[in-house]
Amino acid sequence: MSSNIRIQRVCQHCGNEFTAKTTVTKYCGDNCAKRAYKKRKKEEKIGASNQETIELVAQPIRAIQEKDFLSLDEAAKLLSVSRTTLYRMRKDGALQFAVIGKKKVISRKSIDQLFNPSL
C-alpha cells in the first residue's frame, strides 16, 4: 500500500525546504542523511574523548583524596593553593604539619578540620 501524502519539510541538516512522502522524513536526500550521520558519529567520538580526558585529569586527585597523610605538594594540589599559603596557614595555627626526617606531611584529618571545625 502506498500513500499519496506530500508534506513540506525543512531538512534538519542543510535547512532547505523539500517535499516529504512520509511523516518521519528528516532529510531532503541521501547525501544530507549521510552527512548528518557522520556529523552525529563525530560528535559522539569527541564527547567520549572529552569524557576520557576528564577522567584522566581527575585520577590523580582521587588518589590524593584516598591518602591519610599528604605531602605539602599533594595538599597544595588538593586545596588548590600554593605551598606558601600552607606555610602561612601553619603560622596562623589553622593547619599543623608533622616533620618526618626532612619531609613535612599533613594529616588528612587536619585538612578536614579546616572545613568542619566541629570534628
PDB file of N, CA and C in Angstrom:
ATOM      1  N   MET A   1       0.841  -1.178   0.000  1.00  0.00           N
ATOM      2  CA  MET A   1       0.000   0.000   0.000  1.00  0.00           C
ATOM      3  C   MET A   1       0.879   1.231   0.000  1.00  0.00           C
ATOM      4  N   SER A   2       0.580   2.106  -0.866  1.00  0.00           N
ATOM      5  CA  SER A   2       1.334   3.346  -0.918  1.00  0.00           C
ATOM      6  C   SER A   2       0.422   4.497  -0.525  1.00  0.00           C
ATOM      7  N   SER A   3       1.054   5.554  -0.126  1.00  0.00           N
ATOM      8  CA  SER A   3       0.322   6.720   0.327  1.00  0.00           C
ATOM      9  C   SER A   3       0.584   7.881  -0.614  1.00  0.00           C
ATOM     10  N   ASN A   4      -0.360   8.738  -0.742  1.00  0.00           N
ATOM     11  CA  ASN A   4      -0.212   9.926  -1.574  1.00  0.00           C
ATOM     12  C   ASN A   4       0.061  11.161  -0.728  1.00  0.00           C
ATOM     13  N   ILE A   5       0.608  10.949   0.457  1.00  0.00           N
ATOM     14  CA  ILE A   5       0.900  12.077   1.352  1.00  0.00           C
ATOM     15  C   ILE A   5       2.093  12.849   0.803  1.00  0.00           C
ATOM     16  N   ARG A   6       1.964  14.151   0.789  1.00  0.00           N
ATOM     17  CA  ARG A   6       3.067  15.039   0.426  1.00  0.00           C
ATOM     18  C   ARG A   6       3.096  16.150   1.478  1.00  0.00           C
ATOM     19  N   ILE A   7       4.218  16.244   2.194  1.00  0.00           N
ATOM     20  CA  ILE A   7       4.348  17.206   3.294  1.00  0.00           C
ATOM     21  C   ILE A   7       5.563  18.077   3.038  1.00  0.00           C
ATOM     22  N   GLN A   8       5.413  19.371   3.222  1.00  0.00           N
ATOM     23  CA  GLN A   8       6.543  20.297   3.109  1.00  0.00           C
ATOM     24  C   GLN A   8       7.338  20.242   4.405  1.00  0.00           C
ATOM     25  N   ARG A   9       8.637  19.978   4.309  1.00  0.00           N
ATOM     26  CA  ARG A   9       9.528  19.879   5.454  1.00  0.00           C
ATOM     27  C   ARG A   9      10.766  20.718   5.220  1.00  0.00           C
ATOM     28  N   VAL A  10      11.520  20.913   6.292  1.00  0.00           N
ATOM     29  CA  VAL A  10      12.815  21.587   6.220  1.00  0.00           C
ATOM     30  C   VAL A  10      13.864  20.561   6.634  1.00  0.00           C
ATOM     31  N   CYS A  11      14.862  20.404   5.802  1.00  0.00           N
ATOM     32  CA  CYS A  11      15.936  19.435   6.056  1.00  0.00           C
ATOM     33  C   CYS A  11      16.662  19.809   7.356  1.00  0.00           C
ATOM     34  N   GLN A  12      16.840  18.834   8.248  1.00  0.00           N
ATOM     35  CA  GLN A  12      17.495  19.089   9.530  1.00  0.00           C
ATOM     36  C   GLN A  12      19.002  19.263   9.391  1.00  0.00           C
ATOM     37  N   HIS A  13      19.546  18.915   8.239  1.00  0.00           N
ATOM     38  CA  HIS A  13      20.990  19.079   8.050  1.00  0.00           C
ATOM     39  C   HIS A  13      21.316  20.378   7.306  1.00  0.00           C
ATOM     40  N   CYS A  14      20.725  20.555   6.112  1.00  0.00           N
ATOM     41  CA  CYS A  14      21.101  21.717   5.296  1.00  0.00           C
ATOM     42  C   CYS A  14      20.134  22.892   5.440  1.00  0.00           C
ATOM     43  N   GLY A  15      18.927  22.641   5.934  1.00  0.00           N
ATOM     44  CA  GLY A  15      17.974  23.724   6.145  1.00  0.00           C
ATOM     45  C   GLY A  15      17.131  24.064   4.925  1.00  0.00           C
ATOM     46  N   ASN A  16      17.299  23.330   3.841  1.00  0.00           N
ATOM     47  CA  ASN A  16      16.499  23.587   2.642  1.00  0.00           C
ATOM     48  C   ASN A  16      15.112  22.975   2.787  1.00  0.00           C
ATOM     49  N   GLU A  17      14.142  23.592   2.126  1.00  0.00           N
ATOM     50  CA  GLU A  17      12.777  23.085   2.150  1.00  0.00           C
ATOM     51  C   GLU A  17      12.627  22.001   1.080  1.00  0.00           C
ATOM     52  N   PHE A  18      11.872  20.927   1.416  1.00  0.00           N
ATOM     53  CA  PHE A  18      11.649  19.837   0.473  1.00  0.00           C
ATOM     54  C   PHE A  18      10.279  19.224   0.712  1.00  0.00           C
ATOM     55  N   THR A  19       9.846  18.389  -0.216  1.00  0.00           N
ATOM     56  CA  THR A  19       8.569  17.704  -0.098  1.00  0.00           C
ATOM     57  C   THR A  19       8.828  16.276   0.344  1.00  0.00           C
ATOM     58  N   ALA A  20       8.293  15.914   1.514  1.00  0.00           N
ATOM     59  CA  ALA A  20       8.483  14.572   2.066  1.00  0.00           C
ATOM     60  C   ALA A  20       7.295  13.697   1.710  1.00  0.00           C
ATOM     61  N   LYS A  21       7.546  12.414   1.542  1.00  0.00           N
ATOM     62  CA  LYS A  21       6.487  11.467   1.219  1.00  0.00           C
ATOM     63  C   LYS A  21       6.003  10.699   2.442  1.00  0.00           C
ATOM     64  N   THR A  22       6.720  10.822   3.556  1.00  0.00           N
ATOM     65  CA  THR A  22       6.296  10.194   4.807  1.00  0.00           C
ATOM     66  C   THR A  22       6.342  11.233   5.916  1.00  0.00           C
ATOM     67  N   THR A  23       5.745  10.900   7.041  1.00  0.00           N
ATOM     68  CA  THR A  23       5.685  11.853   8.153  1.00  0.00           C
ATOM     69  C   THR A  23       6.949  11.829   9.006  1.00  0.00           C
ATOM     70  N   VAL A  24       7.838  10.877   8.788  1.00  0.00           N
ATOM     71  CA  VAL A  24       9.039  10.760   9.618  1.00  0.00           C
ATOM     72  C   VAL A  24      10.313  11.191   8.901  1.00  0.00           C
ATOM     73  N   THR A  25      10.221  11.642   7.665  1.00  0.00           N
ATOM     74  CA  THR A  25      11.389  12.049   6.898  1.00  0.00           C
ATOM     75  C   THR A  25      12.016  13.291   7.528  1.00  0.00           C
ATOM     76  N   LYS A  26      13.340  13.247   7.719  1.00  0.00           N
ATOM     77  CA  LYS A  26      14.052  14.360   8.352  1.00  0.00           C
ATOM     78  C   LYS A  26      14.969  15.108   7.387  1.00  0.00           C
ATOM     79  N   TYR A  27      15.431  14.411   6.344  1.00  0.00           N
ATOM     80  CA  TYR A  27      16.442  14.978   5.463  1.00  0.00           C
ATOM     81  C   TYR A  27      15.920  15.038   4.030  1.00  0.00           C
ATOM     82  N   CYS A  28      16.455  15.986   3.276  1.00  0.00           N
ATOM     83  CA  CYS A  28      15.983  16.190   1.912  1.00  0.00           C
ATOM     84  C   CYS A  28      16.460  15.107   0.951  1.00  0.00           C
ATOM     85  N   GLY A  29      17.515  14.421   1.289  1.00  0.00           N
ATOM     86  CA  GLY A  29      18.020  13.380   0.396  1.00  0.00           C
ATOM     87  C   GLY A  29      19.030  12.498   1.087  1.00  0.00           C
ATOM     88  N   ASP A  30      19.559  11.575   0.334  1.00  0.00           N
ATOM     89  CA  ASP A  30      20.509  10.600   0.860  1.00  0.00           C
ATOM     90  C   ASP A  30      21.818  11.271   1.301  1.00  0.00           C
ATOM     91  N   ASN A  31      22.276  12.257   0.552  1.00  0.00           N
ATOM     92  CA  ASN A  31      23.534  12.934   0.907  1.00  0.00           C
ATOM     93  C   ASN A  31      23.427  13.638   2.254  1.00  0.00           C
ATOM     94  N   CYS A  32      22.323  14.335   2.482  1.00  0.00           N
ATOM     95  CA  CYS A  32      22.146  15.032   3.764  1.00  0.00           C
ATOM     96  C   CYS A  32      22.028  14.023   4.907  1.00  0.00           C
ATOM     97  N   ALA A  33      21.359  12.908   4.673  1.00  0.00           N
ATOM     98  CA  ALA A  33      21.232  11.883   5.706  1.00  0.00           C
ATOM     99  C   ALA A  33      22.608  11.321   6.063  1.00  0.00           C
ATOM    100  N   LYS A  34      23.439  11.054   5.062  1.00  0.00           N
ATOM    101  CA  LYS A  34      24.782  10.526   5.306  1.00  0.00           C
ATOM    102  C   LYS A  34      25.654  11.543   6.022  1.00  0.00           C
ATOM    103  N   ARG A  35      25.567  12.795   5.614  1.00  0.00           N
ATOM    104  CA  ARG A  35      26.374  13.842   6.259  1.00  0.00           C
ATOM    105  C   ARG A  35      25.946  14.045   7.708  1.00  0.00           C
ATOM    106  N   ALA A  36      24.643  14.004   7.963  1.00  0.00           N
ATOM    107  CA  ALA A  36      24.146  14.154   9.333  1.00  0.00           C
ATOM    108  C   ALA A  36      24.605  12.982  10.198  1.00  0.00           C
ATOM    109  N   TYR A  37      24.595  11.784   9.639  1.00  0.00           N
ATOM    110  CA  TYR A  37      25.058  10.602  10.354  1.00  0.00           C
ATOM    111  C   TYR A  37      26.534  10.736  10.719  1.00  0.00           C
ATOM    112  N   LYS A  38      27.345  11.155   9.754  1.00  0.00           N
ATOM    113  CA  LYS A  38      28.779  11.324  10.021  1.00  0.00           C
ATOM    114  C   LYS A  38      29.022  12.395  11.080  1.00  0.00           C
ATOM    115  N   LYS A  39      28.278  13.472  11.012  1.00  0.00           N
ATOM    116  CA  LYS A  39      28.418  14.545  11.992  1.00  0.00           C
ATOM    117  C   LYS A  39      28.045  14.045  13.390  1.00  0.00           C
ATOM    118  N   ARG A  40      26.949  13.264  13.474  1.00  0.00           N
ATOM    119  CA  ARG A  40      26.495  12.720  14.748  1.00  0.00           C
ATOM    120  C   ARG A  40      27.536  11.768  15.329  1.00  0.00           C
ATOM    121  N   LYS A  41      28.115  10.908  14.505  1.00  0.00           N
ATOM    122  CA  LYS A  41      29.135   9.967  14.968  1.00  0.00           C
ATOM    123  C   LYS A  41      30.402  10.701  15.409  1.00  0.00           C
ATOM    124  N   LYS A  42      30.766  11.754  14.684  1.00  0.00           N
ATOM    125  CA  LYS A  42      31.949  12.538  15.042  1.00  0.00           C
ATOM    126  C   LYS A  42      31.754  13.188  16.411  1.00  0.00           C
ATOM    127  N   GLU A  43      30.567  13.742  16.655  1.00  0.00           N
ATOM    128  CA  GLU A  43      30.279  14.380  17.939  1.00  0.00           C
ATOM    129  C   GLU A  43      30.288  13.358  19.069  1.00  0.00           C
ATOM    130  N   GLU A  44      29.817  12.141  18.806  1.00  0.00           N
ATOM    131  CA  GLU A  44      29.858  11.092  19.818  1.00  0.00           C
ATOM    132  C   GLU A  44      31.301  10.740  20.178  1.00  0.00           C
ATOM    133  N   LYS A  45      32.172  10.636  19.173  1.00  0.00           N
ATOM    134  CA  LYS A  45      33.576  10.327  19.425  1.00  0.00           C
ATOM    135  C   LYS A  45      34.257  11.442  20.207  1.00  0.00           C
ATOM    136  N   ILE A  46      33.951  12.681  19.847  1.00  0.00           N
ATOM    137  CA  ILE A  46      34.541  13.821  20.558  1.00  0.00           C
ATOM    138  C   ILE A  46      34.076  13.826  22.003  1.00  0.00           C
ATOM    139  N   GLY A  47      32.799  13.562  22.229  1.00  0.00           N
ATOM    140  CA  GLY A  47      32.264  13.509  23.587  1.00  0.00           C
ATOM    141  C   GLY A  47      32.912  12.405  24.411  1.00  0.00           C
ATOM    142  N   ALA A  48      33.107  11.236  23.806  1.00  0.00           N
ATOM    143  CA  ALA A  48      33.758  10.134  24.514  1.00  0.00           C
ATOM    144  C   ALA A  48      35.208  10.484  24.829  1.00  0.00           C
ATOM    145  N   SER A  49      35.887  11.128  23.902  1.00  0.00           N
ATOM    146  CA  SER A  49      37.273  11.532  24.126  1.00  0.00           C
ATOM    147  C   SER A  49      37.367  12.570  25.244  1.00  0.00           C
ATOM    148  N   ASN A  50      36.456  13.532  25.248  1.00  0.00           N
ATOM    149  CA  ASN A  50      36.449  14.550  26.305  1.00  0.00           C
ATOM    150  C   ASN A  50      36.193  13.924  27.672  1.00  0.00           C
ATOM    151  N   GLN A  51      35.276  12.966  27.737  1.00  0.00           N
ATOM    152  CA  GLN A  51      34.979  12.290  28.997  1.00  0.00           C
ATOM    153  C   GLN A  51      36.199  11.507  29.491  1.00  0.00           C
ATOM    154  N   GLU A  52      36.899  10.853  28.582  1.00  0.00           N
ATOM    155  CA  GLU A  52      38.102  10.106  28.939  1.00  0.00           C
ATOM    156  C   GLU A  52      39.181  11.042  29.468  1.00  0.00           C
ATOM    157  N   THR A  53      39.314  12.211  28.850  1.00  0.00           N
ATOM    158  CA  THR A  53      40.298  13.197  29.298  1.00  0.00           C
ATOM    159  C   THR A  53      39.958  13.705  30.694  1.00  0.00           C
ATOM    160  N   ILE A  54      38.692  13.961  30.948  1.00  0.00           N
ATOM    161  CA  ILE A  54      38.258  14.428  32.269  1.00  0.00           C
ATOM    162  C   ILE A  54      38.587  13.388  33.335  1.00  0.00           C
ATOM    163  N   GLU A  55      38.356  12.119  33.021  1.00  0.00           N
ATOM    164  CA  GLU A  55      38.661  11.050  33.977  1.00  0.00           C
ATOM    165  C   GLU A  55      40.154  10.936  34.230  1.00  0.00           C
ATOM    166  N   LEU A  56      40.976  11.102  33.190  1.00  0.00           N
ATOM    167  CA  LEU A  56      42.426  11.039  33.364  1.00  0.00           C
ATOM    168  C   LEU A  56      42.942  12.186  34.217  1.00  0.00           C
ATOM    169  N   VAL A  57      42.349  13.366  34.050  1.00  0.00           N
ATOM    170  CA  VAL A  57      42.768  14.527  34.842  1.00  0.00           C
ATOM    171  C   VAL A  57      42.347  14.356  36.297  1.00  0.00           C
ATOM    172  N   ALA A  58      41.172  13.782  36.537  1.00  0.00           N
ATOM    173  CA  ALA A  58      40.656  13.634  37.893  1.00  0.00           C
ATOM    174  C   ALA A  58      41.293  12.471  38.646  1.00  0.00           C
ATOM    175  N   GLN A  59      41.932  11.563  37.952  1.00  0.00           N
ATOM    176  CA  GLN A  59      42.505  10.376  38.579  1.00  0.00           C
ATOM    177  C   GLN A  59      43.548  10.704  39.649  1.00  0.00           C
ATOM    178  N   PRO A  60      44.521  11.605  39.411  1.00  0.00           N
ATOM    179  CA  PRO A  60      45.489  11.914  40.470  1.00  0.00           C
ATOM    180  C   PRO A  60      44.841  12.555  41.700  1.00  0.00           C
ATOM    181  N   ILE A  61      43.813  13.361  41.491  1.00  0.00           N
ATOM    182  CA  ILE A  61      43.120  13.998  42.614  1.00  0.00           C
ATOM    183  C   ILE A  61      42.437  12.930  43.463  1.00  0.00           C
ATOM    184  N   ARG A  62      41.813  11.945  42.810  1.00  0.00           N
ATOM    185  CA  ARG A  62      41.164  10.859  43.559  1.00  0.00           C
ATOM    186  C   ARG A  62      42.199  10.077  44.369  1.00  0.00           C
ATOM    187  N   ALA A  63      43.371   9.865  43.794  1.00  0.00           N
ATOM    188  CA  ALA A  63      44.431   9.143  44.512  1.00  0.00           C
ATOM    189  C   ALA A  63      44.885   9.939  45.735  1.00  0.00           C
ATOM    190  N   ILE A  64      44.964  11.238  45.597  1.00  0.00           N
ATOM    191  CA  ILE A  64      45.360  12.093  46.726  1.00  0.00           C
ATOM    192  C   ILE A  64      44.285  12.075  47.803  1.00  0.00           C
ATOM    193  N   GLN A  65      43.025  12.099  47.418  1.00  0.00           N
ATOM    194  CA  GLN A  65      41.928  12.130  48.384  1.00  0.00           C
ATOM    195  C   GLN A  65      41.856  10.859  49.220  1.00  0.00           C
ATOM    196  N   GLU A  66      42.395   9.756  48.725  1.00  0.00           N
ATOM    197  CA  GLU A  66      42.325   8.490  49.444  1.00  0.00           C
ATOM    198  C   GLU A  66      43.426   8.348  50.500  1.00  0.00           C
ATOM    199  N   LYS A  67      44.455   9.173  50.440  1.00  0.00           N
ATOM    200  CA  LYS A  67      45.575   9.050  51.368  1.00  0.00           C
ATOM    201  C   LYS A  67      45.234   9.663  52.725  1.00  0.00           C
ATOM    202  N   ASP A  68      45.849   9.092  53.788  1.00  0.00           N
ATOM    203  CA  ASP A  68      45.663   9.623  55.136  1.00  0.00           C
ATOM    204  C   ASP A  68      46.658  10.738  55.452  1.00  0.00           C
ATOM    205  N   PHE A  69      47.847  10.661  54.842  1.00  0.00           N
ATOM    206  CA  PHE A  69      48.869  11.676  55.055  1.00  0.00           C
ATOM    207  C   PHE A  69      49.333  12.189  53.696  1.00  0.00           C
ATOM    208  N   LEU A  70      49.445  13.503  53.586  1.00  0.00           N
ATOM    209  CA  LEU A  70      49.783  14.128  52.312  1.00  0.00           C
ATOM    210  C   LEU A  70      51.066  14.929  52.440  1.00  0.00           C
ATOM    211  N   SER A  71      51.841  14.952  51.373  1.00  0.00           N
ATOM    212  CA  SER A  71      52.995  15.835  51.332  1.00  0.00           C
ATOM    213  C   SER A  71      52.479  17.263  51.097  1.00  0.00           C
ATOM    214  N   LEU A  72      53.379  18.225  51.210  1.00  0.00           N
ATOM    215  CA  LEU A  72      52.963  19.619  51.009  1.00  0.00           C
ATOM    216  C   LEU A  72      52.464  19.845  49.580  1.00  0.00           C
ATOM    217  N   ASP A  73      53.139  19.252  48.617  1.00  0.00           N
ATOM    218  CA  ASP A  73      52.714  19.419  47.225  1.00  0.00           C
ATOM    219  C   ASP A  73      51.331  18.814  46.988  1.00  0.00           C
ATOM    220  N   GLU A  74      51.099  17.628  47.540  1.00  0.00           N
ATOM    221  CA  GLU A  74      49.793  16.981  47.374  1.00  0.00           C
ATOM    222  C   GLU A  74      48.693  17.787  48.052  1.00  0.00           C
ATOM    223  N   ALA A  75      48.981  18.291  49.262  1.00  0.00           N
ATOM    224  CA  ALA A  75      47.992  19.095  49.974  1.00  0.00           C
ATOM    225  C   ALA A  75      47.699  20.393  49.224  1.00  0.00           C
ATOM    226  N   ALA A  76      48.733  20.992  48.662  1.00  0.00           N
ATOM    227  CA  ALA A  76      48.542  22.221  47.888  1.00  0.00           C
ATOM    228  C   ALA A  76      47.695  21.953  46.651  1.00  0.00           C
ATOM    229  N   LYS A  77      47.939  20.835  45.999  1.00  0.00           N
ATOM    230  CA  LYS A  77      47.153  20.478  44.814  1.00  0.00           C
ATOM    231  C   LYS A  77      45.699  20.190  45.193  1.00  0.00           C
ATOM    232  N   LEU A  78      45.515  19.482  46.304  1.00  0.00           N
ATOM    233  CA  LEU A  78      44.167  19.133  46.755  1.00  0.00           C
ATOM    234  C   LEU A  78      43.362  20.375  47.122  1.00  0.00           C
ATOM    235  N   LEU A  79      43.997  21.323  47.785  1.00  0.00           N
ATOM    236  CA  LEU A  79      43.311  22.546  48.219  1.00  0.00           C
ATOM    237  C   LEU A  79      43.356  23.657  47.178  1.00  0.00           C
ATOM    238  N   SER A  80      44.099  23.454  46.108  1.00  0.00           N
ATOM    239  CA  SER A  80      44.279  24.458  45.049  1.00  0.00           C
ATOM    240  C   SER A  80      44.871  25.748  45.598  1.00  0.00           C
ATOM    241  N   VAL A  81      45.900  25.593  46.418  1.00  0.00           N
ATOM    242  CA  VAL A  81      46.629  26.742  46.957  1.00  0.00           C
ATOM    243  C   VAL A  81      48.117  26.489  46.756  1.00  0.00           C
ATOM    244  N   SER A  82      48.932  27.485  47.070  1.00  0.00           N
ATOM    245  CA  SER A  82      50.377  27.326  46.930  1.00  0.00           C
ATOM    246  C   SER A  82      50.976  26.790  48.230  1.00  0.00           C
ATOM    247  N   ARG A  83      52.222  26.361  48.140  1.00  0.00           N
ATOM    248  CA  ARG A  83      52.933  25.902  49.337  1.00  0.00           C
ATOM    249  C   ARG A  83      53.094  27.043  50.334  1.00  0.00           C
ATOM    250  N   THR A  84      53.293  28.246  49.822  1.00  0.00           N
ATOM    251  CA  THR A  84      53.436  29.414  50.691  1.00  0.00           C
ATOM    252  C   THR A  84      52.183  29.622  51.525  1.00  0.00           C
ATOM    253  N   THR A  85      51.036  29.415  50.919  1.00  0.00           N
ATOM    254  CA  THR A  85      49.773  29.550  51.648  1.00  0.00           C
ATOM    255  C   THR A  85      49.685  28.501  52.758  1.00  0.00           C
ATOM    256  N   LEU A  86      50.164  27.300  52.496  1.00  0.00           N
ATOM    257  CA  LEU A  86      50.161  26.266  53.530  1.00  0.00           C
ATOM    258  C   LEU A  86      51.066  26.658  54.695  1.00  0.00           C
ATOM    259  N   TYR A  87      52.240  27.221  54.394  1.00  0.00           N
ATOM    260  CA  TYR A  87      53.121  27.688  55.461  1.00  0.00           C
ATOM    261  C   TYR A  87      52.472  28.828  56.244  1.00  0.00           C
ATOM    262  N   ARG A  88      51.779  29.706  55.548  1.00  0.00           N
ATOM    263  CA  ARG A  88      51.085  30.815  56.208  1.00  0.00           C
ATOM    264  C   ARG A  88      49.975  30.281  57.117  1.00  0.00           C
ATOM    265  N   MET A  89      49.256  29.255  56.649  1.00  0.00           N
ATOM    266  CA  MET A  89      48.201  28.658  57.469  1.00  0.00           C
ATOM    267  C   MET A  89      48.792  27.980  58.703  1.00  0.00           C
ATOM    268  N   ARG A  90      49.984  27.409  58.564  1.00  0.00           N
ATOM    269  CA  ARG A  90      50.665  26.800  59.709  1.00  0.00           C
ATOM    270  C   ARG A  90      51.052  27.867  60.719  1.00  0.00           C
ATOM    271  N   LYS A  91      51.555  28.983  60.228  1.00  0.00           N
ATOM    272  CA  LYS A  91      51.954  30.089  61.105  1.00  0.00           C
ATOM    273  C   LYS A  91      50.761  30.654  61.861  1.00  0.00           C
ATOM    274  N   ASP A  92      49.598  30.726  61.186  1.00  0.00           N
ATOM    275  CA  ASP A  92      48.377  31.247  61.817  1.00  0.00           C
ATOM    276  C   ASP A  92      47.725  30.230  62.753  1.00  0.00           C
ATOM    277  N   GLY A  93      48.160  28.987  62.712  1.00  0.00           N
ATOM    278  CA  GLY A  93      47.611  27.962  63.593  1.00  0.00           C
ATOM    279  C   GLY A  93      46.410  27.229  63.011  1.00  0.00           C
ATOM    280  N   ALA A  94      46.113  27.462  61.759  1.00  0.00           N
ATOM    281  CA  ALA A  94      44.962  26.811  61.135  1.00  0.00           C
ATOM    282  C   ALA A  94      45.285  25.402  60.663  1.00  0.00           C
ATOM    283  N   LEU A  95      46.574  25.102  60.491  1.00  0.00           N
ATOM    284  CA  LEU A  95      46.988  23.817  59.938  1.00  0.00           C
ATOM    285  C   LEU A  95      48.250  23.353  60.642  1.00  0.00           C
ATOM    286  N   GLN A  96      48.379  22.053  60.852  1.00  0.00           N
ATOM    287  CA  GLN A  96      49.551  21.508  61.529  1.00  0.00           C
ATOM    288  C   GLN A  96      50.280  20.550  60.598  1.00  0.00           C
ATOM    289  N   PHE A  97      51.604  20.645  60.619  1.00  0.00           N
ATOM    290  CA  PHE A  97      52.451  19.739  59.851  1.00  0.00           C
ATOM    291  C   PHE A  97      53.125  18.782  60.818  1.00  0.00           C
ATOM    292  N   ALA A  98      53.508  17.642  60.311  1.00  0.00           N
ATOM    293  CA  ALA A  98      54.389  16.736  61.035  1.00  0.00           C
ATOM    294  C   ALA A  98      55.658  16.622  60.198  1.00  0.00           C
ATOM    295  N   VAL A  99      56.800  16.593  60.860  1.00  0.00           N
ATOM    296  CA  VAL A  99      58.066  16.514  60.154  1.00  0.00           C
ATOM    297  C   VAL A  99      58.634  15.112  60.348  1.00  0.00           C
ATOM    298  N   ILE A 100      58.854  14.424  59.249  1.00  0.00           N
ATOM    299  CA  ILE A 100      59.452  13.090  59.280  1.00  0.00           C
ATOM    300  C   ILE A 100      60.750  13.192  58.496  1.00  0.00           C
ATOM    301  N   GLY A 101      61.846  13.242  59.221  1.00  0.00           N
ATOM    302  CA  GLY A 101      63.140  13.471  58.578  1.00  0.00           C
ATOM    303  C   GLY A 101      63.155  14.877  58.011  1.00  0.00           C
ATOM    304  N   LYS A 102      63.320  15.001  56.713  1.00  0.00           N
ATOM    305  CA  LYS A 102      63.274  16.307  56.067  1.00  0.00           C
ATOM    306  C   LYS A 102      61.928  16.569  55.398  1.00  0.00           C
ATOM    307  N   LYS A 103      61.060  15.576  55.437  1.00  0.00           N
ATOM    308  CA  LYS A 103      59.782  15.690  54.735  1.00  0.00           C
ATOM    309  C   LYS A 103      58.682  16.148  55.688  1.00  0.00           C
ATOM    310  N   LYS A 104      57.913  17.098  55.228  1.00  0.00           N
ATOM    311  CA  LYS A 104      56.778  17.596  56.001  1.00  0.00           C
ATOM    312  C   LYS A 104      55.512  16.954  55.453  1.00  0.00           C
ATOM    313  N   VAL A 105      54.681  16.425  56.354  1.00  0.00           N
ATOM    314  CA  VAL A 105      53.427  15.799  55.948  1.00  0.00           C
ATOM    315  C   VAL A 105      52.285  16.435  56.721  1.00  0.00           C
ATOM    316  N   ILE A 106      51.115  16.373  56.116  1.00  0.00           N
ATOM    317  CA  ILE A 106      49.907  16.928  56.715  1.00  0.00           C
ATOM    318  C   ILE A 106      48.898  15.791  56.804  1.00  0.00           C
ATOM    319  N   SER A 107      48.282  15.647  57.964  1.00  0.00           N
ATOM    320  CA  SER A 107      47.283  14.591  58.100  1.00  0.00           C
ATOM    321  C   SER A 107      45.992  15.024  57.420  1.00  0.00           C
ATOM    322  N   ARG A 108      45.308  14.056  56.920  1.00  0.00           N
ATOM    323  CA  ARG A 108      44.035  14.319  56.232  1.00  0.00           C
ATOM    324  C   ARG A 108      43.016  14.893  57.212  1.00  0.00           C
ATOM    325  N   LYS A 109      43.093  14.481  58.481  1.00  0.00           N
ATOM    326  CA  LYS A 109      42.162  14.976  59.487  1.00  0.00           C
ATOM    327  C   LYS A 109      42.303  16.485  59.687  1.00  0.00           C
ATOM    328  N   SER A 110      43.544  16.974  59.684  1.00  0.00           N
ATOM    329  CA  SER A 110      43.736  18.418  59.888  1.00  0.00           C
ATOM    330  C   SER A 110      43.191  19.218  58.712  1.00  0.00           C
ATOM    331  N   ILE A 111      43.255  18.654  57.495  1.00  0.00           N
ATOM    332  CA  ILE A 111      42.665  19.324  56.340  1.00  0.00           C
ATOM    333  C   ILE A 111      41.142  19.313  56.448  1.00  0.00           C
ATOM    334  N   ASP A 112      40.595  18.179  56.897  1.00  0.00           N
ATOM    335  CA  ASP A 112      39.140  18.106  57.052  1.00  0.00           C
ATOM    336  C   ASP A 112      38.646  19.067  58.129  1.00  0.00           C
ATOM    337  N   GLN A 113      39.455  19.301  59.157  1.00  0.00           N
ATOM    338  CA  GLN A 113      39.068  20.210  60.233  1.00  0.00           C
ATOM    339  C   GLN A 113      39.027  21.663  59.770  1.00  0.00           C
ATOM    340  N   LEU A 114      39.728  21.960  58.689  1.00  0.00           N
ATOM    341  CA  LEU A 114      39.654  23.327  58.142  1.00  0.00           C
ATOM    342  C   LEU A 114      38.226  23.652  57.715  1.00  0.00           C
ATOM    343  N   PHE A 115      37.543  22.663  57.189  1.00  0.00           N
ATOM    344  CA  PHE A 115      36.210  22.875  56.640  1.00  0.00           C
ATOM    345  C   PHE A 115      35.112  22.466  57.608  1.00  0.00           C
ATOM    346  N   ASN A 116      35.423  21.603  58.564  1.00  0.00           N
ATOM    347  CA  ASN A 116      34.452  21.181  59.585  1.00  0.00           C
ATOM    348  C   ASN A 116      35.102  21.348  60.956  1.00  0.00           C
ATOM    349  N   PRO A 117      35.087  22.547  61.519  1.00  0.00           N
ATOM    350  CA  PRO A 117      35.780  22.784  62.788  1.00  0.00           C
ATOM    351  C   PRO A 117      35.214  21.962  63.953  1.00  0.00           C
ATOM    352  N   SER A 118      34.007  21.434  63.832  1.00  0.00           N
ATOM    353  CA  SER A 118      33.402  20.683  64.928  1.00  0.00           C
ATOM    354  C   SER A 118      33.986  19.285  65.064  1.00  0.00           C
ATOM    355  N   LEU A 119      34.757  18.811  64.062  1.00  0.00           N
ATOM    356  CA  LEU A 119      35.342  17.454  64.131  1.00  0.00           C
ATOM    357  C   LEU A 119      36.498  17.379  65.081  1.00  0.00           C
TER     358      LEU A 119
END
